[in-house]
C-alpha atoms as a PDB file:
ATOM      1  CA  MET A   1     125.091 148.138 -13.750  1.00  0.00           C
ATOM      2  CA  ALA A   2     122.799 149.849 -11.244  1.00  0.00           C
ATOM      3  CA  GLU A   3     122.438 153.617 -11.349  1.00  0.00           C
ATOM      4  CA  ARG A   4     124.305 155.386  -8.545  1.00  0.00           C
ATOM      5  CA  VAL A   5     122.757 157.832  -6.087  1.00  0.00           C
ATOM      6  CA  GLY A   6     124.561 159.766  -3.375  1.00  0.00           C
ATOM      7  CA  VAL A   7     123.393 159.722   0.223  1.00  0.00           C
ATOM      8  CA  ARG A   8     122.611 163.461   0.178  1.00  0.00           C
ATOM      9  CA  GLU A   9     120.488 163.197  -2.986  1.00  0.00           C
ATOM     10  CA  LEU A  10     118.752 160.102  -1.625  1.00  0.00           C
ATOM     11  CA  ARG A  11     117.958 161.804   1.681  1.00  0.00           C
ATOM     12  CA  GLN A  12     116.614 164.961   0.000  1.00  0.00           C
ATOM     13  CA  ASN A  13     114.407 163.090  -2.504  1.00  0.00           C
ATOM     14  CA  LEU A  14     113.724 159.785  -0.773  1.00  0.00           C
ATOM     15  CA  SER A  15     110.090 159.497  -1.914  1.00  0.00           C
ATOM     16  CA  ARG A  16     111.063 159.896  -5.566  1.00  0.00           C
ATOM     17  CA  TRP A  17     113.791 157.231  -5.302  1.00  0.00           C
ATOM     18  CA  LEU A  18     111.509 154.820  -3.442  1.00  0.00           C
ATOM     19  CA  ARG A  19     108.850 155.151  -6.161  1.00  0.00           C
ATOM     20  CA  ARG A  20     111.474 154.138  -8.710  1.00  0.00           C
ATOM     21  CA  VAL A  21     112.459 151.150  -6.543  1.00  0.00           C
ATOM     22  CA  GLU A  22     108.778 150.164  -6.301  1.00  0.00           C
ATOM     23  CA  ASN A  23     108.762 150.175 -10.111  1.00  0.00           C
ATOM     24  CA  GLY A  24     111.571 147.609 -10.148  1.00  0.00           C
ATOM     25  CA  GLU A  25     114.710 149.729 -10.427  1.00  0.00           C
ATOM     26  CA  THR A  26     117.864 149.057  -8.390  1.00  0.00           C
ATOM     27  CA  PHE A  27     120.300 151.718  -7.201  1.00  0.00           C
ATOM     28  CA  GLU A  28     123.770 151.717  -5.712  1.00  0.00           C
ATOM     29  CA  VAL A  29     123.945 154.179  -2.813  1.00  0.00           C
ATOM     30  CA  THR A  30     127.257 156.004  -2.482  1.00  0.00           C
ATOM     31  CA  GLU A  31     128.846 158.113   0.231  1.00  0.00           C
ATOM     32  CA  ARG A  32     131.626 160.394  -0.966  1.00  0.00           C
ATOM     33  CA  GLY A  33     131.750 158.384  -4.180  1.00  0.00           C
ATOM     34  CA  SER A  34     132.185 154.980  -2.515  1.00  0.00           C
ATOM     35  CA  PRO A  35     129.407 152.377  -2.709  1.00  0.00           C
ATOM     36  CA  VAL A  36     127.845 151.694   0.697  1.00  0.00           C
ATOM     37  CA  ALA A  37     124.497 150.029  -0.037  1.00  0.00           C
ATOM     38  CA  LEU A  38     122.245 148.591  -2.684  1.00  0.00           C
ATOM     39  CA  LEU A  39     118.673 149.882  -2.839  1.00  0.00           C
ATOM     40  CA  THR A  40     116.604 147.185  -4.512  1.00  0.00           C
ATOM     41  CA  PRO A  41     112.950 146.051  -4.572  1.00  0.00           C
ATOM     42  CA  LEU A  42     111.906 143.305  -2.203  1.00  0.00           C
ATOM     43  CA  PRO A  43     111.292 139.932  -3.832  1.00  0.00           C
ATOM     44  CA  PRO A  44     107.618 139.224  -4.494  1.00  0.00           C
ATOM     45  CA  THR A  45     105.935 137.425  -1.622  1.00  0.00           C
ATOM     46  CA  ASN A  46     103.116 136.101  -3.747  1.00  0.00           C
ATOM     47  CA  ASP A  47     103.750 135.385  -7.427  1.00  0.00           C
ATOM     48  CA  VAL A  48     100.033 135.285  -8.245  1.00  0.00           C
ATOM     49  CA  LEU A  49      99.519 138.698  -6.667  1.00  0.00           C
ATOM     50  CA  ALA A  50     102.510 140.185  -8.515  1.00  0.00           C
ATOM     51  CA  ARG A  51     101.218 138.772 -11.807  1.00  0.00           C
ATOM     52  CA  LEU A  52      97.731 140.206 -11.274  1.00  0.00           C
ATOM     53  CA  VAL A  53      99.184 143.636 -10.452  1.00  0.00           C
ATOM     54  CA  ALA A  54     101.440 143.483 -13.532  1.00  0.00           C
ATOM     55  CA  GLU A  55      98.447 142.551 -15.714  1.00  0.00           C
ATOM     56  CA  GLY A  56      96.456 145.467 -14.318  1.00  0.00           C
ATOM     57  CA  ARG A  57      93.723 143.143 -13.069  1.00  0.00           C
ATOM     58  CA  ILE A  58      94.122 144.346  -9.466  1.00  0.00           C
ATOM     59  CA  ALA A  59      95.661 147.425  -7.872  1.00  0.00           C
ATOM     60  CA  ARG A  60      97.888 147.641  -4.839  1.00  0.00           C
ATOM     61  CA  LEU A  61      96.525 149.390  -1.752  1.00  0.00           C
ATOM     62  CA  GLY A  62      97.076 153.108  -1.602  1.00  0.00           C
ATOM     63  CA  ARG A  63      97.073 153.568  -5.355  1.00  0.00           C
ATOM     64  CA  GLY A  64      94.386 155.966  -6.502  1.00  0.00           C
ATOM     65  CA  ARG A  65      90.915 156.567  -5.169  1.00  0.00           C
ATOM     66  CA  LEU A  66      87.755 154.515  -5.138  1.00  0.00           C
ATOM     67  CA  SER A  67      86.236 157.072  -7.508  1.00  0.00           C
ATOM     68  CA  ASP A  68      88.947 156.133 -10.058  1.00  0.00           C
ATOM     69  CA  LEU A  69      87.437 152.665 -10.473  1.00  0.00           C
ATOM     70  CA  PRO A  70      85.325 152.000 -13.565  1.00  0.00           C
ATOM     71  CA  PRO A  71      81.578 151.612 -13.037  1.00  0.00           C
ATOM     72  CA  PRO A  72      80.345 148.079 -12.324  1.00  0.00           C
ATOM     73  CA  VAL A  73      79.469 145.923 -15.306  1.00  0.00           C
ATOM     74  CA  ALA A  74      75.735 145.395 -15.679  1.00  0.00           C
ATOM     75  CA  ARG A  75      74.481 141.807 -15.496  1.00  0.00           C
ATOM     76  CA  ALA A  76      72.841 140.333 -18.545  1.00  0.00           C
ATOM     77  CA  GLU A  77      69.128 139.686 -18.206  1.00  0.00           C
ATOM     78  CA  GLY A  78      68.537 136.468 -16.311  1.00  0.00           C
ATOM     79  CA  GLU A  79      72.183 136.219 -15.202  1.00  0.00           C
ATOM     80  CA  MET A  80      72.725 135.207 -11.576  1.00  0.00           C
ATOM     81  CA  SER A  81      74.347 137.759  -9.259  1.00  0.00           C
ATOM     82  CA  ILE A  82      77.662 136.912  -7.640  1.00  0.00           C
ATOM     83  CA  SER A  83      75.986 136.908  -4.226  1.00  0.00           C
ATOM     84  CA  ASP A  84      73.363 134.411  -5.413  1.00  0.00           C
ATOM     85  CA  ALA A  85      76.041 132.222  -7.003  1.00  0.00           C
ATOM     86  CA  LEU A  86      78.047 132.193  -3.761  1.00  0.00           C
ATOM     87  CA  ASP A  87      74.934 131.325  -1.756  1.00  0.00           C
ATOM     88  CA  GLU A  88      74.270 128.428  -4.125  1.00  0.00           C
ATOM     89  CA  VAL A  89      77.827 127.111  -3.811  1.00  0.00           C
ATOM     90  CA  ARG A  90      77.744 127.405  -0.037  1.00  0.00           C
ATOM     91  CA  GLU A  91      74.424 125.532   0.171  1.00  0.00           C
ATOM     92  CA  ASP A  92      76.115 122.551  -1.507  1.00  0.00           C
ATOM     93  CA  ARG A  93      78.682 122.415   1.326  1.00  0.00           C
ATOM     94  CA  ILE A  94      76.132 122.214   4.122  1.00  0.00           C
END
């Protein structure tokens, strides 16, 4: 059963409750003890995107700062850069 939250509590701490919803929790909103709404996460619009976020391979916008990212991985000696590889692939299409 979903946890219950009163309208007053929800209104006073909306950001906190929305963060919990973003993390997958569902809540029953009550007014004077009677259920009036269900606060639930939206269904994923892109399963691949949701999987990559869940795996920690990508981050959603607005989460953290650019300075929080790890430093780039150095290329091995003689390894082609991503830009060069893309140029090579694109040349094959022309």
